[in-house]
């Protein structure tokens, strides 16, 4: 399934190559596919909770990047004194790792 989906995705870029491979492997051309397969995972998840924290997440990321820039640090550098707000507690581990917070 993964190879077939990749052939479908690359068919607009290199149609002759993907047509040849999909015809040999699956007996039909990937160029004939009309759309990329839907994302099954996102269809089964309730994402409404994430919409409530989007603005807070954007603001936290922006302020962290701004502080690093003001201090002449690269975005990859460690930084201290930044606390993850309570509304983003579910993302704390990811934010600490992403921003190298100490």
PDB file of N, CA and C in Angstrom:
ATOM      1  N   UNK A   1       0.813  -1.195   0.000  1.00  0.00           N
ATOM      2  CA  UNK A   1       0.000   0.000   0.000  1.00  0.00           C
ATOM      3  C   UNK A   1       0.861   1.266   0.000  1.00  0.00           C
ATOM      4  N   UNK A   2       1.958   1.255   0.718  1.00  0.00           N
ATOM      5  CA  UNK A   2       2.820   2.428   0.794  1.00  0.00           C
ATOM      6  C   UNK A   2       3.451   2.725  -0.562  1.00  0.00           C
ATOM      7  N   UNK A   3       3.954   1.705  -1.211  1.00  0.00           N
ATOM      8  CA  UNK A   3       4.591   1.904  -2.523  1.00  0.00           C
ATOM      9  C   UNK A   3       3.565   2.401  -3.533  1.00  0.00           C
ATOM     10  N   UNK A   4       2.370   1.836  -3.507  1.00  0.00           N
ATOM     11  CA  UNK A   4       1.327   2.259  -4.446  1.00  0.00           C
ATOM     12  C   UNK A   4       0.962   3.723  -4.217  1.00  0.00           C
ATOM     13  N   UNK A   5       0.827   4.140  -2.942  1.00  0.00           N
ATOM     14  CA  UNK A   5       0.503   5.532  -2.642  1.00  0.00           C
ATOM     15  C   UNK A   5       1.627   6.473  -3.069  1.00  0.00           C
ATOM     16  N   UNK A   6       2.860   6.055  -2.890  1.00  0.00           N
ATOM     17  CA  UNK A   6       3.985   6.875  -3.347  1.00  0.00           C
ATOM     18  C   UNK A   6       4.001   7.006  -4.866  1.00  0.00           C
ATOM     19  N   UNK A   7       3.693   5.928  -5.560  1.00  0.00           N
ATOM     20  CA  UNK A   7       3.630   5.998  -7.021  1.00  0.00           C
ATOM     21  C   UNK A   7       2.538   6.963  -7.472  1.00  0.00           C
ATOM     22  N   UNK A   8       1.405   6.946  -6.782  1.00  0.00           N
ATOM     23  CA  UNK A   8       0.319   7.880  -7.110  1.00  0.00           C
ATOM     24  C   UNK A   8       0.768   9.314  -6.851  1.00  0.00           C
ATOM     25  N   UNK A   9       1.445   9.540  -5.728  1.00  0.00           N
ATOM     26  CA  UNK A   9       1.885  10.894  -5.384  1.00  0.00           C
ATOM     27  C   UNK A   9       2.912  11.428  -6.377  1.00  0.00           C
ATOM     28  N   UNK A  10       3.798  10.568  -6.867  1.00  0.00           N
ATOM     29  CA  UNK A  10       4.846  10.998  -7.790  1.00  0.00           C
ATOM     30  C   UNK A  10       4.431  10.945  -9.258  1.00  0.00           C
ATOM     31  N   UNK A  11       3.242  10.452  -9.557  1.00  0.00           N
ATOM     32  CA  UNK A  11       2.843  10.335 -10.959  1.00  0.00           C
ATOM     33  C   UNK A  11       2.782  11.671 -11.705  1.00  0.00           C
ATOM     34  N   UNK A  12       2.407  12.800 -11.083  1.00  0.00           N
ATOM     35  CA  UNK A  12       2.463  14.061 -11.836  1.00  0.00           C
ATOM     36  C   UNK A  12       3.891  14.517 -12.133  1.00  0.00           C
ATOM     37  N   UNK A  13       4.842  14.112 -11.296  1.00  0.00           N
ATOM     38  CA  UNK A  13       6.225  14.546 -11.454  1.00  0.00           C
ATOM     39  C   UNK A  13       6.954  13.709 -12.496  1.00  0.00           C
ATOM     40  N   UNK A  14       6.799  12.403 -12.411  1.00  0.00           N
ATOM     41  CA  UNK A  14       7.484  11.502 -13.354  1.00  0.00           C
ATOM     42  C   UNK A  14       6.497  10.423 -13.814  1.00  0.00           C
ATOM     43  N   UNK A  15       5.579  10.794 -14.712  1.00  0.00           N
ATOM     44  CA  UNK A  15       4.501   9.884 -15.095  1.00  0.00           C
ATOM     45  C   UNK A  15       4.961   8.612 -15.802  1.00  0.00           C
ATOM     46  N   UNK A  16       5.979   8.689 -16.639  1.00  0.00           N
ATOM     47  CA  UNK A  16       6.402   7.495 -17.378  1.00  0.00           C
ATOM     48  C   UNK A  16       7.013   6.460 -16.442  1.00  0.00           C
ATOM     49  N   UNK A  17       7.827   6.919 -15.520  1.00  0.00           N
ATOM     50  CA  UNK A  17       8.472   6.028 -14.560  1.00  0.00           C
ATOM     51  C   UNK A  17       7.436   5.370 -13.644  1.00  0.00           C
ATOM     52  N   UNK A  18       6.511   6.179 -13.094  1.00  0.00           N
ATOM     53  CA  UNK A  18       5.505   5.620 -12.185  1.00  0.00           C
ATOM     54  C   UNK A  18       4.523   4.724 -12.928  1.00  0.00           C
ATOM     55  N   UNK A  19       4.207   5.058 -14.169  1.00  0.00           N
ATOM     56  CA  UNK A  19       3.328   4.206 -14.964  1.00  0.00           C
ATOM     57  C   UNK A  19       3.973   2.843 -15.183  1.00  0.00           C
ATOM     58  N   UNK A  20       5.241   2.845 -15.537  1.00  0.00           N
ATOM     59  CA  UNK A  20       5.951   1.589 -15.779  1.00  0.00           C
ATOM     60  C   UNK A  20       5.988   0.734 -14.516  1.00  0.00           C
ATOM     61  N   UNK A  21       6.398   1.331 -13.401  1.00  0.00           N
ATOM     62  CA  UNK A  21       6.497   0.564 -12.153  1.00  0.00           C
ATOM     63  C   UNK A  21       5.145   0.031 -11.691  1.00  0.00           C
ATOM     64  N   UNK A  22       4.127   0.880 -11.708  1.00  0.00           N
ATOM     65  CA  UNK A  22       2.821   0.425 -11.235  1.00  0.00           C
ATOM     66  C   UNK A  22       2.209  -0.605 -12.174  1.00  0.00           C
ATOM     67  N   UNK A  23       2.471  -0.497 -13.467  1.00  0.00           N
ATOM     68  CA  UNK A  23       1.964  -1.507 -14.409  1.00  0.00           C
ATOM     69  C   UNK A  23       2.626  -2.857 -14.169  1.00  0.00           C
ATOM     70  N   UNK A  24       3.921  -2.852 -13.891  1.00  0.00           N
ATOM     71  CA  UNK A  24       4.643  -4.097 -13.618  1.00  0.00           C
ATOM     72  C   UNK A  24       4.210  -4.690 -12.275  1.00  0.00           C
ATOM     73  N   UNK A  25       4.127  -3.846 -11.245  1.00  0.00           N
ATOM     74  CA  UNK A  25       3.847  -4.341  -9.891  1.00  0.00           C
ATOM     75  C   UNK A  25       2.375  -4.666  -9.648  1.00  0.00           C
ATOM     76  N   UNK A  26       1.475  -3.818 -10.151  1.00  0.00           N
ATOM     77  CA  UNK A  26       0.059  -3.947  -9.806  1.00  0.00           C
ATOM     78  C   UNK A  26      -0.858  -4.232 -10.994  1.00  0.00           C
ATOM     79  N   UNK A  27      -0.329  -4.175 -12.195  1.00  0.00           N
ATOM     80  CA  UNK A  27      -1.142  -4.461 -13.364  1.00  0.00           C
ATOM     81  C   UNK A  27      -1.999  -3.300 -13.824  1.00  0.00           C
ATOM     82  N   UNK A  28      -1.894  -2.148 -13.171  1.00  0.00           N
ATOM     83  CA  UNK A  28      -2.628  -0.959 -13.604  1.00  0.00           C
ATOM     84  C   UNK A  28      -1.743   0.262 -13.388  1.00  0.00           C
ATOM     85  N   UNK A  29      -2.024   1.303 -14.135  1.00  0.00           N
ATOM     86  CA  UNK A  29      -1.190   2.495 -14.096  1.00  0.00           C
ATOM     87  C   UNK A  29      -1.554   3.382 -12.917  1.00  0.00           C
ATOM     88  N   UNK A  30      -0.553   3.898 -12.228  1.00  0.00           N
ATOM     89  CA  UNK A  30      -0.803   4.849 -11.145  1.00  0.00           C
ATOM     90  C   UNK A  30      -1.166   6.222 -11.694  1.00  0.00           C
ATOM     91  N   UNK A  31      -0.880   6.465 -12.962  1.00  0.00           N
ATOM     92  CA  UNK A  31      -1.198   7.744 -13.578  1.00  0.00           C
ATOM     93  C   UNK A  31      -2.707   7.916 -13.709  1.00  0.00           C
ATOM     94  N   UNK A  32      -3.443   6.827 -13.747  1.00  0.00           N
ATOM     95  CA  UNK A  32      -4.897   6.895 -13.861  1.00  0.00           C
ATOM     96  C   UNK A  32      -5.575   7.298 -12.556  1.00  0.00           C
ATOM     97  N   UNK A  33      -4.869   7.288 -11.445  1.00  0.00           N
ATOM     98  CA  UNK A  33      -5.464   7.640 -10.152  1.00  0.00           C
ATOM     99  C   UNK A  33      -5.908   9.095 -10.181  1.00  0.00           C
ATOM    100  N   UNK A  34      -7.077   9.363  -9.665  1.00  0.00           N
ATOM    101  CA  UNK A  34      -7.640  10.711  -9.710  1.00  0.00           C
ATOM    102  C   UNK A  34      -7.307  11.557  -8.486  1.00  0.00           C
ATOM    103  N   UNK A  35      -7.140  10.936  -7.331  1.00  0.00           N
ATOM    104  CA  UNK A  35      -6.835  11.703  -6.132  1.00  0.00           C
ATOM    105  C   UNK A  35      -5.983  10.871  -5.188  1.00  0.00           C
ATOM    106  N   UNK A  36      -5.284  11.570  -4.306  1.00  0.00           N
ATOM    107  CA  UNK A  36      -4.454  10.884  -3.329  1.00  0.00           C
ATOM    108  C   UNK A  36      -5.370  10.273  -2.272  1.00  0.00           C
ATOM    109  N   UNK A  37      -5.054   9.112  -1.752  1.00  0.00           N
ATOM    110  CA  UNK A  37      -5.917   8.473  -0.754  1.00  0.00           C
ATOM    111  C   UNK A  37      -6.131   9.372   0.461  1.00  0.00           C
ATOM    112  N   UNK A  38      -7.330   9.354   1.042  1.00  0.00           N
ATOM    113  CA  UNK A  38      -7.619  10.229   2.181  1.00  0.00           C
ATOM    114  C   UNK A  38      -6.835   9.810   3.423  1.00  0.00           C
ATOM    115  N   UNK A  39      -6.636  10.756   4.320  1.00  0.00           N
ATOM    116  CA  UNK A  39      -5.951  10.492   5.574  1.00  0.00           C
ATOM    117  C   UNK A  39      -6.938   9.851   6.542  1.00  0.00           C
ATOM    118  N   UNK A  40      -6.808   8.576   6.746  1.00  0.00           N
ATOM    119  CA  UNK A  40      -7.747   7.820   7.573  1.00  0.00           C
ATOM    120  C   UNK A  40      -7.638   8.224   9.035  1.00  0.00           C
ATOM    121  N   UNK A  41      -6.459   8.550   9.495  1.00  0.00           N
ATOM    122  CA  UNK A  41      -6.266   8.874  10.910  1.00  0.00           C
ATOM    123  C   UNK A  41      -7.039  10.125  11.294  1.00  0.00           C
ATOM    124  N   UNK A  42      -6.954  11.188  10.506  1.00  0.00           N
ATOM    125  CA  UNK A  42      -7.613  12.433  10.872  1.00  0.00           C
ATOM    126  C   UNK A  42      -9.130  12.326  10.811  1.00  0.00           C
ATOM    127  N   UNK A  43      -9.664  11.390  10.057  1.00  0.00           N
ATOM    128  CA  UNK A  43     -11.108  11.233   9.975  1.00  0.00           C
ATOM    129  C   UNK A  43     -11.685  10.614  11.241  1.00  0.00           C
ATOM    130  N   UNK A  44     -10.865   9.892  11.993  1.00  0.00           N
ATOM    131  CA  UNK A  44     -11.349   9.206  13.183  1.00  0.00           C
ATOM    132  C   UNK A  44     -11.006   9.932  14.476  1.00  0.00           C
ATOM    133  N   UNK A  45     -10.486  11.130  14.411  1.00  0.00           N
ATOM    134  CA  UNK A  45     -10.081  11.860  15.599  1.00  0.00           C
ATOM    135  C   UNK A  45     -10.934  13.097  15.798  1.00  0.00           C
ATOM    136  N   UNK A  46     -11.178  13.412  17.067  1.00  0.00           N
ATOM    137  CA  UNK A  46     -11.862  14.648  17.409  1.00  0.00           C
ATOM    138  C   UNK A  46     -10.804  15.731  17.590  1.00  0.00           C
ATOM    139  N   UNK A  47     -10.767  16.680  16.699  1.00  0.00           N
ATOM    140  CA  UNK A  47      -9.734  17.717  16.733  1.00  0.00           C
ATOM    141  C   UNK A  47     -10.229  19.033  17.319  1.00  0.00           C
ATOM    142  N   UNK A  48     -11.455  19.072  17.833  1.00  0.00           N
ATOM    143  CA  UNK A  48     -11.996  20.331  18.343  1.00  0.00           C
ATOM    144  C   UNK A  48     -11.200  20.860  19.531  1.00  0.00           C
ATOM    145  N   UNK A  49     -10.631  19.976  20.351  1.00  0.00           N
ATOM    146  CA  UNK A  49      -9.834  20.424  21.489  1.00  0.00           C
ATOM    147  C   UNK A  49      -8.582  21.165  21.067  1.00  0.00           C
ATOM    148  N   UNK A  50      -8.016  20.782  19.935  1.00  0.00           N
ATOM    149  CA  UNK A  50      -6.808  21.443  19.443  1.00  0.00           C
ATOM    150  C   UNK A  50      -7.102  22.851  18.934  1.00  0.00           C
ATOM    151  N   UNK A  51      -8.301  23.072  18.446  1.00  0.00           N
ATOM    152  CA  UNK A  51      -8.646  24.394  17.931  1.00  0.00           C
ATOM    153  C   UNK A  51      -8.670  25.436  19.043  1.00  0.00           C
ATOM    154  N   UNK A  52      -8.973  24.998  20.267  1.00  0.00           N
ATOM    155  CA  UNK A  52      -9.047  25.931  21.388  1.00  0.00           C
ATOM    156  C   UNK A  52      -7.678  26.439  21.825  1.00  0.00           C
ATOM    157  N   UNK A  53      -6.622  25.697  21.560  1.00  0.00           N
ATOM    158  CA  UNK A  53      -5.286  26.096  22.013  1.00  0.00           C
ATOM    159  C   UNK A  53      -4.392  26.595  20.878  1.00  0.00           C
ATOM    160  N   UNK A  54      -4.927  26.692  19.689  1.00  0.00           N
ATOM    161  CA  UNK A  54      -4.117  27.098  18.541  1.00  0.00           C
ATOM    162  C   UNK A  54      -3.505  28.475  18.735  1.00  0.00           C
ATOM    163  N   UNK A  55      -4.308  29.445  19.151  1.00  0.00           N
ATOM    164  CA  UNK A  55      -3.791  30.806  19.327  1.00  0.00           C
ATOM    165  C   UNK A  55      -2.728  30.862  20.418  1.00  0.00           C
ATOM    166  N   UNK A  56      -2.958  30.147  21.519  1.00  0.00           N
ATOM    167  CA  UNK A  56      -1.974  30.124  22.608  1.00  0.00           C
ATOM    168  C   UNK A  56      -0.672  29.477  22.150  1.00  0.00           C
ATOM    169  N   UNK A  57      -0.777  28.438  21.349  1.00  0.00           N
ATOM    170  CA  UNK A  57       0.406  27.752  20.837  1.00  0.00           C
ATOM    171  C   UNK A  57       1.200  28.648  19.885  1.00  0.00           C
ATOM    172  N   UNK A  58       0.500  29.342  19.015  1.00  0.00           N
ATOM    173  CA  UNK A  58       1.161  30.270  18.090  1.00  0.00           C
ATOM    174  C   UNK A  58       1.855  31.386  18.863  1.00  0.00           C
ATOM    175  N   UNK A  59       1.178  31.931  19.864  1.00  0.00           N
ATOM    176  CA  UNK A  59       1.760  33.006  20.668  1.00  0.00           C
ATOM    177  C   UNK A  59       2.983  32.527  21.445  1.00  0.00           C
ATOM    178  N   UNK A  60       2.908  31.329  22.028  1.00  0.00           N
ATOM    179  CA  UNK A  60       4.045  30.786  22.772  1.00  0.00           C
ATOM    180  C   UNK A  60       5.249  30.584  21.855  1.00  0.00           C
ATOM    181  N   UNK A  61       5.020  29.982  20.695  1.00  0.00           N
ATOM    182  CA  UNK A  61       6.114  29.766  19.742  1.00  0.00           C
ATOM    183  C   UNK A  61       6.725  31.093  19.299  1.00  0.00           C
ATOM    184  N   UNK A  62       5.875  32.059  18.976  1.00  0.00           N
ATOM    185  CA  UNK A  62       6.366  33.360  18.512  1.00  0.00           C
ATOM    186  C   UNK A  62       7.182  34.067  19.584  1.00  0.00           C
ATOM    187  N   UNK A  63       6.687  34.056  20.820  1.00  0.00           N
ATOM    188  CA  UNK A  63       7.412  34.747  21.891  1.00  0.00           C
ATOM    189  C   UNK A  63       8.736  34.054  22.201  1.00  0.00           C
ATOM    190  N   UNK A  64       8.758  32.725  22.131  1.00  0.00           N
ATOM    191  CA  UNK A  64      10.005  31.990  22.373  1.00  0.00           C
ATOM    192  C   UNK A  64      11.026  32.315  21.291  1.00  0.00           C
ATOM    193  N   UNK A  65      10.608  32.288  20.040  1.00  0.00           N
ATOM    194  CA  UNK A  65      11.515  32.603  18.938  1.00  0.00           C
ATOM    195  C   UNK A  65      11.994  34.055  19.022  1.00  0.00           C
ATOM    196  N   UNK A  66      11.081  34.964  19.421  1.00  0.00           N
ATOM    197  CA  UNK A  66      11.431  36.378  19.545  1.00  0.00           C
ATOM    198  C   UNK A  66      12.507  36.569  20.624  1.00  0.00           C
ATOM    199  N   UNK A  67      12.332  35.888  21.772  1.00  0.00           N
ATOM    200  CA  UNK A  67      13.324  36.004  22.851  1.00  0.00           C
ATOM    201  C   UNK A  67      14.676  35.454  22.422  1.00  0.00           C
ATOM    202  N   UNK A  68      14.676  34.373  21.683  1.00  0.00           N
ATOM    203  CA  UNK A  68      15.945  33.826  21.195  1.00  0.00           C
ATOM    204  C   UNK A  68      16.612  34.809  20.235  1.00  0.00           C
ATOM    205  N   UNK A  69      15.822  35.424  19.375  1.00  0.00           N
ATOM    206  CA  UNK A  69      16.370  36.380  18.406  1.00  0.00           C
ATOM    207  C   UNK A  69      16.922  37.613  19.119  1.00  0.00           C
ATOM    208  N   UNK A  70      16.187  38.098  20.139  1.00  0.00           N
ATOM    209  CA  UNK A  70      16.637  39.270  20.890  1.00  0.00           C
ATOM    210  C   UNK A  70      17.945  39.001  21.628  1.00  0.00           C
ATOM    211  N   UNK A  71      18.146  37.756  22.061  1.00  0.00           N
ATOM    212  CA  UNK A  71      19.365  37.391  22.779  1.00  0.00           C
ATOM    213  C   UNK A  71      20.479  36.924  21.845  1.00  0.00           C
ATOM    214  N   UNK A  72      20.241  36.974  20.546  1.00  0.00           N
ATOM    215  CA  UNK A  72      21.259  36.583  19.575  1.00  0.00           C
ATOM    216  C   UNK A  72      21.514  35.086  19.527  1.00  0.00           C
ATOM    217  N   UNK A  73      20.522  34.297  19.899  1.00  0.00           N
ATOM    218  CA  UNK A  73      20.651  32.839  19.906  1.00  0.00           C
ATOM    219  C   UNK A  73      20.055  32.251  18.634  1.00  0.00           C
ATOM    220  N   UNK A  74      20.574  31.108  18.241  1.00  0.00           N
ATOM    221  CA  UNK A  74      19.949  30.399  17.122  1.00  0.00           C
ATOM    222  C   UNK A  74      18.677  29.726  17.638  1.00  0.00           C
ATOM    223  N   UNK A  75      17.801  29.356  16.744  1.00  0.00           N
ATOM    224  CA  UNK A  75      16.554  28.707  17.152  1.00  0.00           C
ATOM    225  C   UNK A  75      16.808  27.357  17.801  1.00  0.00           C
ATOM    226  N   UNK A  76      17.939  26.749  17.530  1.00  0.00           N
ATOM    227  CA  UNK A  76      18.286  25.445  18.094  1.00  0.00           C
ATOM    228  C   UNK A  76      18.914  25.558  19.482  1.00  0.00           C
ATOM    229  N   UNK A  77      19.356  26.751  19.863  1.00  0.00           N
ATOM    230  CA  UNK A  77      20.051  26.948  21.135  1.00  0.00           C
ATOM    231  C   UNK A  77      19.123  26.750  22.324  1.00  0.00           C
ATOM    232  N   UNK A  78      19.737  26.359  23.451  1.00  0.00           N
ATOM    233  CA  UNK A  78      18.985  26.229  24.698  1.00  0.00           C
ATOM    234  C   UNK A  78      18.690  27.612  25.251  1.00  0.00           C
ATOM    235  N   UNK A  79      17.566  27.725  25.982  1.00  0.00           N
ATOM    236  CA  UNK A  79      17.186  28.996  26.582  1.00  0.00           C
ATOM    237  C   UNK A  79      16.533  28.709  27.930  1.00  0.00           C
ATOM    238  N   UNK A  80      16.770  29.594  28.890  1.00  0.00           N
ATOM    239  CA  UNK A  80      16.188  29.433  30.223  1.00  0.00           C
ATOM    240  C   UNK A  80      15.176  30.536  30.477  1.00  0.00           C
ATOM    241  N   UNK A  81      14.364  30.335  31.497  1.00  0.00           N
ATOM    242  CA  UNK A  81      13.422  31.364  31.920  1.00  0.00           C
ATOM    243  C   UNK A  81      12.106  31.383  31.179  1.00  0.00           C
ATOM    244  N   UNK A  82      11.851  30.428  30.343  1.00  0.00           N
ATOM    245  CA  UNK A  82      10.576  30.373  29.626  1.00  0.00           C
ATOM    246  C   UNK A  82       9.739  29.254  30.228  1.00  0.00           C
ATOM    247  N   UNK A  83       8.523  29.599  30.626  1.00  0.00           N
ATOM    248  CA  UNK A  83       7.617  28.636  31.250  1.00  0.00           C
ATOM    249  C   UNK A  83       6.467  28.355  30.289  1.00  0.00           C
ATOM    250  N   UNK A  84       6.148  27.087  30.137  1.00  0.00           N
ATOM    251  CA  UNK A  84       5.022  26.694  29.281  1.00  0.00           C
ATOM    252  C   UNK A  84       3.732  27.061  30.007  1.00  0.00           C
ATOM    253  N   UNK A  85       2.829  27.821  29.372  1.00  0.00           N
ATOM    254  CA  UNK A  85       1.587  28.228  30.025  1.00  0.00           C
ATOM    255  C   UNK A  85       0.681  27.035  30.349  1.00  0.00           C
ATOM    256  N   UNK A  86      -0.189  27.187  31.345  1.00  0.00           N
ATOM    257  CA  UNK A  86      -1.053  26.073  31.771  1.00  0.00           C
ATOM    258  C   UNK A  86      -1.953  25.515  30.665  1.00  0.00           C
ATOM    259  N   UNK A  87      -2.402  26.351  29.749  1.00  0.00           N
ATOM    260  CA  UNK A  87      -3.294  25.856  28.689  1.00  0.00           C
ATOM    261  C   UNK A  87      -2.566  24.971  27.685  1.00  0.00           C
ATOM    262  N   UNK A  88      -1.235  24.992  27.720  1.00  0.00           N
ATOM    263  CA  UNK A  88      -0.447  24.160  26.804  1.00  0.00           C
ATOM    264  C   UNK A  88       0.233  22.999  27.520  1.00  0.00           C
ATOM    265  N   UNK A  89      -0.253  22.641  28.699  1.00  0.00           N
ATOM    266  CA  UNK A  89       0.376  21.587  29.496  1.00  0.00           C
ATOM    267  C   UNK A  89       0.394  20.248  28.754  1.00  0.00           C
ATOM    268  N   UNK A  90      -0.579  19.984  27.902  1.00  0.00           N
ATOM    269  CA  UNK A  90      -0.608  18.735  27.126  1.00  0.00           C
ATOM    270  C   UNK A  90       0.523  18.665  26.100  1.00  0.00           C
ATOM    271  N   UNK A  91       1.069  19.806  25.747  1.00  0.00           N
ATOM    272  CA  UNK A  91       2.138  19.877  24.750  1.00  0.00           C
ATOM    273  C   UNK A  91       3.501  20.157  25.379  1.00  0.00           C
ATOM    274  N   UNK A  92       3.574  20.143  26.707  1.00  0.00           N
ATOM    275  CA  UNK A  92       4.785  20.579  27.408  1.00  0.00           C
ATOM    276  C   UNK A  92       6.031  19.816  26.967  1.00  0.00           C
ATOM    277  N   UNK A  93       5.956  18.491  26.934  1.00  0.00           N
ATOM    278  CA  UNK A  93       7.135  17.701  26.554  1.00  0.00           C
ATOM    279  C   UNK A  93       7.613  18.044  25.146  1.00  0.00           C
ATOM    280  N   UNK A  94       6.673  18.183  24.232  1.00  0.00           N
ATOM    281  CA  UNK A  94       7.033  18.504  22.846  1.00  0.00           C
ATOM    282  C   UNK A  94       7.615  19.912  22.741  1.00  0.00           C
ATOM    283  N   UNK A  95       7.034  20.861  23.458  1.00  0.00           N
ATOM    284  CA  UNK A  95       7.524  22.240  23.399  1.00  0.00           C
ATOM    285  C   UNK A  95       8.911  22.372  24.028  1.00  0.00           C
ATOM    286  N   UNK A  96       9.128  21.680  25.139  1.00  0.00           N
ATOM    287  CA  UNK A  96      10.441  21.716  25.785  1.00  0.00           C
ATOM    288  C   UNK A  96      11.503  21.141  24.851  1.00  0.00           C
ATOM    289  N   UNK A  97      11.181  20.037  24.200  1.00  0.00           N
ATOM    290  CA  UNK A  97      12.134  19.423  23.271  1.00  0.00           C
ATOM    291  C   UNK A  97      12.335  20.287  22.026  1.00  0.00           C
ATOM    292  N   UNK A  98      11.253  20.846  21.502  1.00  0.00           N
ATOM    293  CA  UNK A  98      11.329  21.618  20.267  1.00  0.00           C
ATOM    294  C   UNK A  98      12.133  22.905  20.442  1.00  0.00           C
ATOM    295  N   UNK A  99      11.907  23.593  21.571  1.00  0.00           N
ATOM    296  CA  UNK A  99      12.565  24.882  21.787  1.00  0.00           C
ATOM    297  C   UNK A  99      13.834  24.773  22.633  1.00  0.00           C
ATOM    298  N   UNK A 100      14.190  23.565  23.062  1.00  0.00           N
ATOM    299  CA  UNK A 100      15.353  23.359  23.944  1.00  0.00           C
ATOM    300  C   UNK A 100      15.258  24.222  25.193  1.00  0.00           C
ATOM    301  N   UNK A 101      14.108  24.152  25.856  1.00  0.00           N
ATOM    302  CA  UNK A 101      13.893  24.922  27.079  1.00  0.00           C
ATOM    303  C   UNK A 101      14.582  24.239  28.250  1.00  0.00           C
ATOM    304  N   UNK A 102      15.169  25.049  29.120  1.00  0.00           N
ATOM    305  CA  UNK A 102      15.828  24.498  30.314  1.00  0.00           C
ATOM    306  C   UNK A 102      15.091  24.983  31.541  1.00  0.00           C
TER     307      UNK A 102
END
